[in-house]
C-alpha atoms as a PDB file:
ATOM      1  CA  MET A   1       0.102  -0.092   0.116  1.00  0.00           C
ATOM      2  CA  GLN A   2       1.109   3.532  -0.684  1.00  0.00           C
ATOM      3  CA  PRO A   3       2.042   5.300   2.539  1.00  0.00           C
ATOM      4  CA  ARG A   4      -0.290   8.347   3.646  1.00  0.00           C
ATOM      5  CA  ASN A   5       2.726  10.784   3.958  1.00  0.00           C
ATOM      6  CA  MET A   6       4.136  10.287   0.414  1.00  0.00           C
ATOM      7  CA  SER A   7       6.406  12.862  -0.680  1.00  0.00           C
ATOM      8  CA  MET A   8       6.124  14.822  -4.037  1.00  0.00           C
ATOM      9  CA  SER A   9       9.905  14.932  -4.479  1.00  0.00           C
ATOM     10  CA  GLY A  10       9.613  12.712  -7.659  1.00  0.00           C
ATOM     11  CA  VAL A  11       7.364  15.140  -9.197  1.00  0.00           C
ATOM     12  CA  VAL A  12       7.196  18.935  -8.242  1.00  0.00           C
ATOM     13  CA  ASP A  13       7.941  20.690  -4.959  1.00  0.00           C
ATOM     14  CA  LEU A  14       5.476  22.993  -3.259  1.00  0.00           C
ATOM     15  CA  ALA A  15       7.802  26.108  -4.105  1.00  0.00           C
ATOM     16  CA  ALA A  16       7.609  25.185  -7.841  1.00  0.00           C
ATOM     17  CA  VAL A  17       3.917  24.928  -7.576  1.00  0.00           C
ATOM     18  CA  LYS A  18       3.667  28.392  -5.990  1.00  0.00           C
ATOM     19  CA  ALA A  19       5.984  29.892  -8.383  1.00  0.00           C
ATOM     20  CA  ALA A  20       4.065  28.636 -11.300  1.00  0.00           C
ATOM     21  CA  GLY A  21       0.729  29.759  -9.727  1.00  0.00           C
ATOM     22  CA  GLU A  22       2.264  33.282  -9.103  1.00  0.00           C
ATOM     23  CA  ALA A  23       3.292  33.399 -12.736  1.00  0.00           C
ATOM     24  CA  LYS A  24       0.091  32.330 -14.087  1.00  0.00           C
ATOM     25  CA  GLN A  25      -1.747  34.950 -11.699  1.00  0.00           C
ATOM     26  CA  LYS A  26       0.551  37.728 -12.932  1.00  0.00           C
ATOM     27  CA  ALA A  27      -0.159  36.947 -16.542  1.00  0.00           C
ATOM     28  CA  GLU A  28      -3.899  36.921 -15.885  1.00  0.00           C
ATOM     29  CA  GLN A  29      -3.577  40.240 -14.100  1.00  0.00           C
ATOM     30  CA  ALA A  30      -1.427  41.669 -16.946  1.00  0.00           C
ATOM     31  CA  ARG A  31      -4.255  40.690 -19.494  1.00  0.00           C
ATOM     32  CA  ALA A  32      -6.894  42.136 -17.506  1.00  0.00           C
ATOM     33  CA  GLU A  33      -5.089  45.397 -17.195  1.00  0.00           C
ATOM     34  CA  ALA A  34      -4.485  45.382 -20.977  1.00  0.00           C
ATOM     35  CA  ALA A  35      -8.236  44.901 -21.502  1.00  0.00           C
ATOM     36  CA  ARG A  36      -9.166  47.714 -19.025  1.00  0.00           C
ATOM     37  CA  THR A  37      -6.643  50.244 -20.461  1.00  0.00           C
ATOM     38  CA  GLY A  38      -6.795  49.305 -24.164  1.00  0.00           C
ATOM     39  CA  ARG A  39      -3.038  48.762 -24.120  1.00  0.00           C
ATOM     40  CA  ALA A  40      -1.609  45.444 -25.123  1.00  0.00           C
ATOM     41  CA  PRO A  41       1.389  44.091 -23.315  1.00  0.00           C
ATOM     42  CA  THR A  42       4.433  43.995 -25.337  1.00  0.00           C
ATOM     43  CA  SER A  43       7.566  41.785 -24.933  1.00  0.00           C
ATOM     44  CA  GLY A  44      10.721  40.669 -26.713  1.00  0.00           C
ATOM     45  CA  ALA A  45       8.838  37.631 -28.273  1.00  0.00           C
ATOM     46  CA  ARG A  46       6.075  40.143 -29.659  1.00  0.00           C
ATOM     47  CA  LEU A  47       2.546  39.608 -30.226  1.00  0.00           C
ATOM     48  CA  VAL A  48       2.945  40.116 -34.143  1.00  0.00           C
ATOM     49  CA  PHE A  49       6.082  39.002 -36.129  1.00  0.00           C
ATOM     50  CA  ASP A  50       7.092  38.099 -39.604  1.00  0.00           C
ATOM     51  CA  VAL A  51       8.056  34.248 -40.135  1.00  0.00           C
ATOM     52  CA  ASP A  52      10.163  32.955 -42.670  1.00  0.00           C
ATOM     53  CA  GLU A  53      10.931  29.219 -43.695  1.00  0.00           C
ATOM     54  CA  ALA A  54      14.070  29.375 -41.631  1.00  0.00           C
ATOM     55  CA  GLY A  55      12.376  30.434 -38.431  1.00  0.00           C
ATOM     56  CA  PHE A  56       9.270  28.381 -38.848  1.00  0.00           C
ATOM     57  CA  GLN A  57      10.236  25.643 -36.503  1.00  0.00           C
ATOM     58  CA  GLN A  58      11.103  27.930 -33.743  1.00  0.00           C
ATOM     59  CA  ASP A  59       8.678  30.610 -34.117  1.00  0.00           C
ATOM     60  CA  VAL A  60       5.663  28.868 -34.841  1.00  0.00           C
ATOM     61  CA  LEU A  61       5.813  25.317 -34.331  1.00  0.00           C
ATOM     62  CA  GLN A  62       7.778  25.378 -30.780  1.00  0.00           C
ATOM     63  CA  ARG A  63       5.909  28.400 -29.678  1.00  0.00           C
ATOM     64  CA  SER A  64       2.441  26.784 -30.336  1.00  0.00           C
ATOM     65  CA  THR A  65       3.301  24.647 -27.414  1.00  0.00           C
ATOM     66  CA  GLU A  66       2.815  27.615 -25.199  1.00  0.00           C
ATOM     67  CA  VAL A  67       0.256  29.779 -27.014  1.00  0.00           C
ATOM     68  CA  PRO A  68      -1.878  29.480 -30.066  1.00  0.00           C
ATOM     69  CA  VAL A  69      -0.105  30.768 -33.155  1.00  0.00           C
ATOM     70  CA  VAL A  70      -2.244  32.477 -35.694  1.00  0.00           C
ATOM     71  CA  ILE A  71      -0.822  32.608 -39.130  1.00  0.00           C
ATOM     72  CA  ASP A  72      -1.760  35.301 -41.850  1.00  0.00           C
ATOM     73  CA  PHE A  73      -0.698  34.400 -45.288  1.00  0.00           C
ATOM     74  CA  TRP A  74      -0.198  37.641 -47.320  1.00  0.00           C
ATOM     75  CA  ALA A  75       1.325  39.291 -50.150  1.00  0.00           C
ATOM     76  CA  GLU A  76       2.170  42.843 -51.112  1.00  0.00           C
ATOM     77  CA  TRP A  77      -0.033  42.815 -54.177  1.00  0.00           C
ATOM     78  CA  CYS A  78      -2.950  41.286 -52.367  1.00  0.00           C
ATOM     79  CA  GLU A  79      -5.606  44.240 -51.989  1.00  0.00           C
ATOM     80  CA  PRO A  80      -7.768  42.260 -49.341  1.00  0.00           C
ATOM     81  CA  CYS A  81      -4.624  41.400 -47.272  1.00  0.00           C
ATOM     82  CA  LYS A  82      -4.091  45.100 -46.769  1.00  0.00           C
ATOM     83  CA  GLN A  83      -7.415  45.190 -45.148  1.00  0.00           C
ATOM     84  CA  LEU A  84      -7.189  41.962 -43.158  1.00  0.00           C
ATOM     85  CA  GLY A  85      -3.670  42.368 -41.923  1.00  0.00           C
ATOM     86  CA  PRO A  86      -4.140  45.411 -39.737  1.00  0.00           C
ATOM     87  CA  LEU A  87      -7.260  43.914 -38.480  1.00  0.00           C
ATOM     88  CA  LEU A  88      -5.609  40.864 -37.230  1.00  0.00           C
ATOM     89  CA  GLU A  89      -2.687  42.809 -35.770  1.00  0.00           C
ATOM     90  CA  ARG A  90      -5.254  44.996 -33.759  1.00  0.00           C
ATOM     91  CA  LEU A  91      -7.034  41.815 -32.504  1.00  0.00           C
ATOM     92  CA  ALA A  92      -3.663  40.277 -31.309  1.00  0.00           C
ATOM     93  CA  GLY A  93      -3.010  43.531 -29.151  1.00  0.00           C
ATOM     94  CA  GLU A  94      -6.643  43.436 -27.902  1.00  0.00           C
ATOM     95  CA  TYR A  95      -6.520  39.670 -27.047  1.00  0.00           C
ATOM     96  CA  ALA A  96      -3.557  40.540 -24.877  1.00  0.00           C
ATOM     97  CA  GLY A  97      -1.328  37.328 -25.353  1.00  0.00           C
ATOM     98  CA  LYS A  98      -4.079  34.697 -25.658  1.00  0.00           C
ATOM     99  CA  PHE A  99      -2.690  34.241 -29.290  1.00  0.00           C
ATOM    100  CA  VAL A 100       0.132  35.404 -31.247  1.00  0.00           C
ATOM    101  CA  LEU A 101      -0.019  36.471 -34.967  1.00  0.00           C
ATOM    102  CA  ALA A 102       2.732  35.215 -37.255  1.00  0.00           C
ATOM    103  CA  LYS A 103       2.699  36.815 -40.885  1.00  0.00           C
ATOM    104  CA  ILE A 104       4.145  34.899 -43.643  1.00  0.00           C
ATOM    105  CA  ASP A 105       4.863  36.650 -47.109  1.00  0.00           C
ATOM    106  CA  VAL A 106       3.900  33.853 -49.610  1.00  0.00           C
ATOM    107  CA  ASP A 107       5.945  35.384 -52.354  1.00  0.00           C
ATOM    108  CA  ALA A 108       9.195  34.947 -50.188  1.00  0.00           C
ATOM    109  CA  ASN A 109       7.896  31.641 -48.536  1.00  0.00           C
ATOM    110  CA  GLN A 110       6.587  29.640 -51.387  1.00  0.00           C
ATOM    111  CA  MET A 111       7.412  26.230 -49.615  1.00  0.00           C
ATOM    112  CA  LEU A 112       5.368  27.173 -46.542  1.00  0.00           C
ATOM    113  CA  PHE A 113       2.535  28.389 -48.913  1.00  0.00           C
ATOM    114  CA  GLN A 114       2.489  24.707 -50.618  1.00  0.00           C
ATOM    115  CA  GLN A 115       2.883  22.785 -47.364  1.00  0.00           C
ATOM    116  CA  PHE A 116      -0.207  24.382 -45.758  1.00  0.00           C
ATOM    117  CA  GLY A 117      -2.106  23.596 -49.047  1.00  0.00           C
ATOM    118  CA  VAL A 118      -3.200  27.497 -49.236  1.00  0.00           C
ATOM    119  CA  GLN A 119      -5.660  27.879 -52.329  1.00  0.00           C
ATOM    120  CA  GLY A 120      -5.672  31.662 -52.203  1.00  0.00           C
ATOM    121  CA  ILE A 121      -4.932  34.681 -50.141  1.00  0.00           C
ATOM    122  CA  PRO A 122      -5.463  36.000 -47.612  1.00  0.00           C
ATOM    123  CA  ALA A 123      -5.785  32.934 -45.729  1.00  0.00           C
ATOM    124  CA  VAL A 124      -5.448  32.521 -42.029  1.00  0.00           C
ATOM    125  CA  PHE A 125      -4.428  29.104 -40.159  1.00  0.00           C
ATOM    126  CA  ALA A 126      -3.657  28.527 -36.616  1.00  0.00           C
ATOM    127  CA  VAL A 127      -1.071  26.078 -35.305  1.00  0.00           C
ATOM    128  CA  VAL A 128      -1.644  24.635 -31.819  1.00  0.00           C
ATOM    129  CA  ALA A 129       0.533  22.084 -29.966  1.00  0.00           C
ATOM    130  CA  GLY A 130       2.320  21.790 -33.371  1.00  0.00           C
ATOM    131  CA  GLN A 131      -0.669  21.034 -35.411  1.00  0.00           C
ATOM    132  CA  PRO A 132      -2.054  23.239 -38.162  1.00  0.00           C
ATOM    133  CA  ILE A 133      -5.798  24.094 -38.165  1.00  0.00           C
ATOM    134  CA  PRO A 134      -7.385  26.143 -41.006  1.00  0.00           C
ATOM    135  CA  LEU A 135      -9.361  29.057 -39.862  1.00  0.00           C
ATOM    136  CA  PHE A 136     -10.774  31.085 -42.789  1.00  0.00           C
ATOM    137  CA  GLN A 137      -9.897  32.610 -46.319  1.00  0.00           C
ATOM    138  CA  GLY A 138     -10.729  35.920 -47.617  1.00  0.00           C
ATOM    139  CA  ALA A 139     -11.223  39.231 -45.749  1.00  0.00           C
ATOM    140  CA  ALA A 140     -14.064  37.919 -43.305  1.00  0.00           C
ATOM    141  CA  PRO A 141     -16.213  40.365 -41.111  1.00  0.00           C
ATOM    142  CA  GLU A 142     -14.585  41.299 -37.914  1.00  0.00           C
ATOM    143  CA  SER A 143     -17.524  39.631 -35.895  1.00  0.00           C
ATOM    144  CA  GLN A 144     -16.704  36.488 -37.500  1.00  0.00           C
ATOM    145  CA  ILE A 145     -12.954  36.623 -36.987  1.00  0.00           C
ATOM    146  CA  ARG A 146     -13.748  37.336 -33.284  1.00  0.00           C
ATOM    147  CA  ASP A 147     -15.923  34.296 -33.152  1.00  0.00           C
ATOM    148  CA  VAL A 148     -13.262  32.143 -34.753  1.00  0.00           C
ATOM    149  CA  LEU A 149     -10.338  33.470 -32.646  1.00  0.00           C
ATOM    150  CA  ASP A 150     -12.846  32.970 -29.410  1.00  0.00           C
ATOM    151  CA  GLN A 151     -13.204  29.391 -30.453  1.00  0.00           C
ATOM    152  CA  LEU A 152      -9.416  28.720 -31.136  1.00  0.00           C
ATOM    153  CA  VAL A 153      -8.517  30.149 -27.703  1.00  0.00           C
ATOM    154  CA  GLN A 154     -11.147  28.067 -25.883  1.00  0.00           C
ATOM    155  CA  ALA A 155     -10.251  25.085 -27.777  1.00  0.00           C
ATOM    156  CA  ALA A 156      -6.409  25.392 -27.116  1.00  0.00           C
ATOM    157  CA  GLU A 157      -7.142  25.548 -23.387  1.00  0.00           C
ATOM    158  CA  GLN A 158      -9.696  23.030 -22.943  1.00  0.00           C
ATOM    159  CA  GLN A 159      -8.172  20.288 -25.390  1.00  0.00           C
ATOM    160  CA  PHE A 160      -4.605  21.017 -24.578  1.00  0.00           C
ATOM    161  CA  GLY A 161      -4.433  23.101 -21.476  1.00  0.00           C
ATOM    162  CA  ILE A 162      -2.474  25.876 -23.581  1.00  0.00           C
ATOM    163  CA  VAL A 163      -3.164  29.273 -22.330  1.00  0.00           C
ATOM    164  CA  GLY A 164      -1.006  32.172 -23.724  1.00  0.00           C
ATOM    165  CA  ALA A 165       0.394  34.850 -21.468  1.00  0.00           C
ATOM    166  CA  PRO A 166       2.136  38.297 -21.853  1.00  0.00           C
ATOM    167  CA  VAL A 167       5.911  38.303 -21.181  1.00  0.00           C
ATOM    168  CA  ASP A 168       8.583  40.771 -19.696  1.00  0.00           C
ATOM    169  CA  PRO A 169       7.743  44.183 -21.287  1.00  0.00           C
ATOM    170  CA  GLN A 170      11.280  45.284 -20.500  1.00  0.00           C
ATOM    171  CA  ALA A 171      12.558  42.746 -23.415  1.00  0.00           C
ATOM    172  CA  ALA A 172      10.530  44.989 -25.701  1.00  0.00           C
ATOM    173  CA  GLY A 173      12.725  47.891 -24.628  1.00  0.00           C
ATOM    174  CA  GLU A 174      10.079  49.548 -22.309  1.00  0.00           C
ATOM    175  CA  GLN A 175      10.976  50.405 -18.935  1.00  0.00           C
ATOM    176  CA  PRO A 176       8.402  48.902 -16.511  1.00  0.00           C
ATOM    177  CA  GLU A 177       7.148  50.795 -13.555  1.00  0.00           C
ATOM    178  CA  ALA A 178       8.998  49.958 -10.249  1.00  0.00           C
ATOM    179  CA  GLU A 179       7.031  47.420  -8.345  1.00  0.00           C
ATOM    180  CA  ALA A 180       5.855  48.022  -4.838  1.00  0.00           C
ATOM    181  CA  PRO A 181       6.001  45.083  -2.442  1.00  0.00           C
ATOM    182  CA  ALA A 182       2.813  43.067  -2.989  1.00  0.00           C
ATOM    183  CA  PRO A 183       0.496  43.213   0.003  1.00  0.00           C
ATOM    184  CA  ALA A 184      -0.659  39.942   1.449  1.00  0.00           C
ATOM    185  CA  GLY A 185      -3.468  38.535  -0.413  1.00  0.00           C
ATOM    186  CA  PRO A 186      -6.592  37.673   1.415  1.00  0.00           C
ATOM    187  CA  TYR A 187      -6.121  33.825   1.014  1.00  0.00           C
ATOM    188  CA  ASP A 188      -2.572  33.657   1.871  1.00  0.00           C
ATOM    189  CA  ALA A 189      -3.055  32.204   5.544  1.00  0.00           C
ATOM    190  CA  LEU A 190      -5.282  29.784   3.989  1.00  0.00           C
ATOM    191  CA  LEU A 191      -2.987  28.941   1.322  1.00  0.00           C
ATOM    192  CA  GLU A 192      -0.095  28.402   3.733  1.00  0.00           C
ATOM    193  CA  ALA A 193      -2.224  26.041   5.775  1.00  0.00           C
ATOM    194  CA  ALA A 194      -3.304  24.056   2.891  1.00  0.00           C
ATOM    195  CA  ASN A 195       0.431  23.640   1.710  1.00  0.00           C
ATOM    196  CA  GLN A 196       1.314  22.815   5.219  1.00  0.00           C
ATOM    197  CA  ALA A 197      -1.397  19.958   5.149  1.00  0.00           C
ATOM    198  CA  LEU A 198      -0.245  18.787   1.801  1.00  0.00           C
ATOM    199  CA  ASP A 199       3.347  18.617   2.821  1.00  0.00           C
ATOM    200  CA  SER A 200       2.531  16.582   6.007  1.00  0.00           C
ATOM    201  CA  GLY A 201       0.259  14.213   4.278  1.00  0.00           C
ATOM    202  CA  ASP A 202      -2.960  15.464   5.552  1.00  0.00           C
ATOM    203  CA  LEU A 203      -4.574  15.033   2.085  1.00  0.00           C
ATOM    204  CA  GLY A 204      -7.978  15.530   3.060  1.00  0.00           C
ATOM    205  CA  GLY A 205      -7.268  18.497   4.806  1.00  0.00           C
ATOM    206  CA  ALA A 206      -5.263  19.926   2.068  1.00  0.00           C
ATOM    207  CA  VAL A 207      -8.026  19.142  -0.589  1.00  0.00           C
ATOM    208  CA  GLN A 208     -10.845  20.935   1.608  1.00  0.00           C
ATOM    209  CA  ALA A 209      -8.423  23.947   2.283  1.00  0.00           C
ATOM    210  CA  TYR A 210      -7.724  24.282  -1.438  1.00  0.00           C
ATOM    211  CA  LYS A 211     -11.422  24.105  -2.258  1.00  0.00           C
ATOM    212  CA  ASN A 212     -12.337  26.694   0.375  1.00  0.00           C
ATOM    213  CA  VAL A 213     -10.098  29.066  -1.541  1.00  0.00           C
ATOM    214  CA  LEU A 214     -11.451  28.263  -4.910  1.00  0.00           C
ATOM    215  CA  SER A 215     -14.884  28.588  -3.711  1.00  0.00           C
ATOM    216  CA  ASP A 216     -14.452  32.419  -3.212  1.00  0.00           C
ATOM    217  CA  ASP A 217     -11.806  32.923  -5.695  1.00  0.00           C
ATOM    218  CA  PRO A 218     -12.184  30.341  -8.588  1.00  0.00           C
ATOM    219  CA  GLY A 219      -9.265  31.452 -10.579  1.00  0.00           C
ATOM    220  CA  ASN A 220      -6.759  31.441  -7.927  1.00  0.00           C
ATOM    221  CA  PRO A 221      -3.703  29.654  -9.479  1.00  0.00           C
ATOM    222  CA  GLU A 222      -1.971  28.408  -6.661  1.00  0.00           C
ATOM    223  CA  ALA A 223      -4.992  26.796  -5.183  1.00  0.00           C
ATOM    224  CA  LYS A 224      -5.788  25.144  -8.403  1.00  0.00           C
ATOM    225  CA  LEU A 225      -2.555  23.680  -8.578  1.00  0.00           C
ATOM    226  CA  GLY A 226      -2.245  22.656  -5.001  1.00  0.00           C
ATOM    227  CA  LEU A 227      -5.784  20.923  -5.405  1.00  0.00           C
ATOM    228  CA  ALA A 228      -4.496  18.959  -8.468  1.00  0.00           C
ATOM    229  CA  GLN A 229      -1.568  17.815  -6.479  1.00  0.00           C
ATOM    230  CA  ALA A 230      -3.390  16.967  -3.494  1.00  0.00           C
ATOM    231  CA  GLU A 231      -6.130  15.186  -5.333  1.00  0.00           C
ATOM    232  CA  LEU A 232      -3.396  13.013  -7.199  1.00  0.00           C
ATOM    233  CA  LEU A 233      -1.949  11.973  -3.896  1.00  0.00           C
ATOM    234  CA  ARG A 234      -5.308  11.192  -2.437  1.00  0.00           C
ATOM    235  CA  ARG A 235      -6.328   9.087  -5.512  1.00  0.00           C
ATOM    236  CA  VAL A 236      -3.026   6.898  -5.251  1.00  0.00           C
ATOM    237  CA  GLN A 237      -2.892   6.556  -1.484  1.00  0.00           C
ATOM    238  CA  ASP A 238      -4.923   3.459  -1.038  1.00  0.00           C
ATOM    239  CA  LEU A 239      -3.799   1.762  -4.452  1.00  0.00           C
ATOM    240  CA  ASP A 240      -1.768  -1.173  -4.491  1.00  0.00           C
ATOM    241  CA  PRO A 241       0.937  -0.670  -7.109  1.00  0.00           C
ATOM    242  CA  GLN A 242       1.731  -3.958  -7.869  1.00  0.00           C
ATOM    243  CA  ALA A 243      -1.920  -4.879  -8.592  1.00  0.00           C
ATOM    244  CA  VAL A 244      -2.704  -1.636 -10.534  1.00  0.00           C
ATOM    245  CA  ARG A 245       0.468  -2.279 -12.792  1.00  0.00           C
ATOM    246  CA  LYS A 246      -0.556  -5.918 -13.366  1.00  0.00           C
ATOM    247  CA  GLU A 247      -3.883  -5.023 -14.396  1.00  0.00           C
ATOM    248  CA  ALA A 248      -3.007  -2.056 -16.702  1.00  0.00           C
ATOM    249  CA  ALA A 249      -0.331  -4.417 -18.235  1.00  0.00           C
ATOM    250  CA  GLU A 250      -3.010  -7.175 -18.835  1.00  0.00           C
ATOM    251  CA  ASN A 251      -5.852  -4.851 -20.048  1.00  0.00           C
ATOM    252  CA  PRO A 252      -4.383  -2.055 -22.286  1.00  0.00           C
ATOM    253  CA  ALA A 253      -7.866  -1.417 -23.540  1.00  0.00           C
ATOM    254  CA  ASP A 254      -9.191  -0.705 -19.940  1.00  0.00           C
ATOM    255  CA  VAL A 255      -8.967   3.106 -19.747  1.00  0.00           C
ATOM    256  CA  PRO A 256      -9.681   3.225 -15.952  1.00  0.00           C
ATOM    257  CA  ALA A 257      -6.702   0.723 -15.273  1.00  0.00           C
ATOM    258  CA  GLN A 258      -4.412   2.968 -17.412  1.00  0.00           C
ATOM    259  CA  ILE A 259      -5.696   6.106 -15.637  1.00  0.00           C
ATOM    260  CA  ARG A 260      -4.868   4.539 -12.332  1.00  0.00           C
ATOM    261  CA  ALA A 261      -1.349   3.394 -13.452  1.00  0.00           C
ATOM    262  CA  ALA A 262      -0.800   6.902 -14.935  1.00  0.00           C
ATOM    263  CA  ASP A 263      -1.362   8.270 -11.524  1.00  0.00           C
ATOM    264  CA  LEU A 264       1.191   6.070  -9.986  1.00  0.00           C
ATOM    265  CA  ASP A 265       3.605   6.759 -12.586  1.00  0.00           C
ATOM    266  CA  LEU A 266       3.597  10.476 -12.031  1.00  0.00           C
ATOM    267  CA  VAL A 267       3.580  10.002  -8.206  1.00  0.00           C
ATOM    268  CA  GLY A 268       6.647   7.926  -8.626  1.00  0.00           C
ATOM    269  CA  GLY A 269       8.460  10.543 -10.850  1.00  0.00           C
ATOM    270  CA  HIS A 270       7.952   8.629 -14.265  1.00  0.00           C
ATOM    271  CA  VAL A 271       6.504  11.631 -15.913  1.00  0.00           C
ATOM    272  CA  GLU A 272       6.845  10.643 -19.538  1.00  0.00           C
ATOM    273  CA  ASP A 273       5.510   7.155 -18.741  1.00  0.00           C
ATOM    274  CA  ALA A 274       2.342   8.669 -17.140  1.00  0.00           C
ATOM    275  CA  PHE A 275       1.878  11.143 -20.016  1.00  0.00           C
ATOM    276  CA  GLY A 276       2.765   8.618 -22.735  1.00  0.00           C
ATOM    277  CA  ARG A 277       0.266   5.943 -21.185  1.00  0.00           C
ATOM    278  CA  LEU A 278      -2.591   8.386 -21.377  1.00  0.00           C
ATOM    279  CA  VAL A 279      -1.915   9.613 -24.829  1.00  0.00           C
ATOM    280  CA  ASP A 280      -1.926   6.011 -25.943  1.00  0.00           C
ATOM    281  CA  ALA A 281      -5.203   5.608 -24.117  1.00  0.00           C
ATOM    282  CA  VAL A 282      -6.692   8.620 -26.247  1.00  0.00           C
ATOM    283  CA  LYS A 283      -5.370   7.301 -29.370  1.00  0.00           C
ATOM    284  CA  ARG A 284      -6.962   3.821 -28.828  1.00  0.00           C
ATOM    285  CA  THR A 285     -10.338   4.594 -27.598  1.00  0.00           C
ATOM    286  CA  ALA A 286     -13.380   6.695 -28.409  1.00  0.00           C
ATOM    287  CA  GLY A 287     -16.353   8.299 -26.548  1.00  0.00           C
ATOM    288  CA  ASP A 288     -16.363   8.666 -22.745  1.00  0.00           C
ATOM    289  CA  ASP A 289     -13.337   6.410 -22.369  1.00  0.00           C
ATOM    290  CA  ARG A 290     -11.260   8.687 -24.790  1.00  0.00           C
ATOM    291  CA  GLU A 291     -12.631  11.888 -22.827  1.00  0.00           C
ATOM    292  CA  ALA A 292     -12.016  10.562 -19.440  1.00  0.00           C
ATOM    293  CA  ALA A 293      -8.268   9.870 -20.524  1.00  0.00           C
ATOM    294  CA  ARG A 294      -7.971  13.224 -22.148  1.00  0.00           C
ATOM    295  CA  VAL A 295      -9.118  15.161 -19.104  1.00  0.00           C
ATOM    296  CA  ARG A 296      -6.942  13.127 -16.557  1.00  0.00           C
ATOM    297  CA  LEU A 297      -3.935  13.901 -18.897  1.00  0.00           C
ATOM    298  CA  LEU A 298      -4.742  17.747 -18.615  1.00  0.00           C
ATOM    299  CA  GLU A 299      -5.108  17.284 -14.744  1.00  0.00           C
ATOM    300  CA  LEU A 300      -1.674  15.621 -14.630  1.00  0.00           C
ATOM    301  CA  PHE A 301      -0.245  18.643 -16.778  1.00  0.00           C
ATOM    302  CA  GLU A 302      -1.574  21.000 -13.917  1.00  0.00           C
ATOM    303  CA  VAL A 303       0.610  18.961 -11.357  1.00  0.00           C
ATOM    304  CA  ILE A 304       3.679  19.355 -13.312  1.00  0.00           C
ATOM    305  CA  GLY A 305       3.321  22.833 -14.537  1.00  0.00           C
ATOM    306  CA  ALA A 306       2.977  24.335 -18.080  1.00  0.00           C
ATOM    307  CA  ASP A 307       6.548  25.334 -18.397  1.00  0.00           C
ATOM    308  CA  ASP A 308       7.825  21.908 -18.137  1.00  0.00           C
ATOM    309  CA  PRO A 309       9.225  20.608 -21.431  1.00  0.00           C
ATOM    310  CA  ARG A 310       7.707  17.064 -20.676  1.00  0.00           C
ATOM    311  CA  VAL A 311       4.397  18.852 -20.595  1.00  0.00           C
ATOM    312  CA  THR A 312       5.099  20.552 -23.913  1.00  0.00           C
ATOM    313  CA  ALA A 313       5.971  17.416 -25.625  1.00  0.00           C
ATOM    314  CA  ALA A 314       2.816  15.605 -24.307  1.00  0.00           C
ATOM    315  CA  ARG A 315       0.698  18.293 -25.484  1.00  0.00           C
ATOM    316  CA  ALA A 316       2.141  17.960 -29.005  1.00  0.00           C
ATOM    317  CA  ALA A 317       1.577  14.249 -28.818  1.00  0.00           C
ATOM    318  CA  LEU A 318      -2.047  14.689 -27.697  1.00  0.00           C
ATOM    319  CA  ALA A 319      -2.612  17.066 -30.566  1.00  0.00           C
ATOM    320  CA  ARG A 320      -1.392  14.510 -32.983  1.00  0.00           C
ATOM    321  CA  VAL A 321      -3.686  11.857 -31.937  1.00  0.00           C
ATOM    322  CA  LEU A 322      -6.726  14.205 -31.521  1.00  0.00           C
ATOM    323  CA  PHE A 323      -6.346  15.727 -34.918  1.00  0.00           C
END
């Protein structure tokens, strides 16, 4: 049986969970401020940028594991492109980092033009977790474009857990205002108690404490990450690892068995094994079983953290089996 005071040392420590939560919270606050002021956050990575064939791998494919990348195929001689391009650039700023816009001049990048199977321009695609998605062709109305972008952002988050975020404005040459020390938040004491309960193995107490915070502040990133960690540990505390692994090995099509084994893999520090097991389950199944495996995979992403390269790789693998 798994001991009740299991350590998370094989997965991620509480300091990393807190740091990831704080980073996510700052990103959400920056987006809210951008929406309030009408001024988009800027960064060295930029919200709008030109892409050529040489930089496509890094600027589009790799970046799409962190944020949806919208691609605008255009040319200087294309009159509709001159209407659509500025609109997409304005929307990229307005969405404040929920997606980024890559502009590809088709005359200078014929190979990319052909690889995407573009029939005419302007043409707009997206890349999410390394997978291309056609969005629309022609100079569509702004309301229609907004609907498409909203669906893209929602799908990226729900299907793959990919949520774009603004980055350091200093990288773009702006001088950020000096930050005053942040006052203690209203949930700091509750979160500290929850973290202590989790660290000491009081999993029921930790789960309830995190839920108490989330009942009043559903978007609190540290509480969401801490809850995912505590619930994982609680799920495996009464499992017999030997029996679970035997059942999963003998019944590869049994999705609940694969999910239990993936939980044990993650707690044991075998992160790639856990992710690979669930990606395979998504690939082999359909309907409710497929959805259960996909949802559990996203929950395990939360435990590890969005910036971990193993999460990035697993998101891309999930995209390949879903599309």
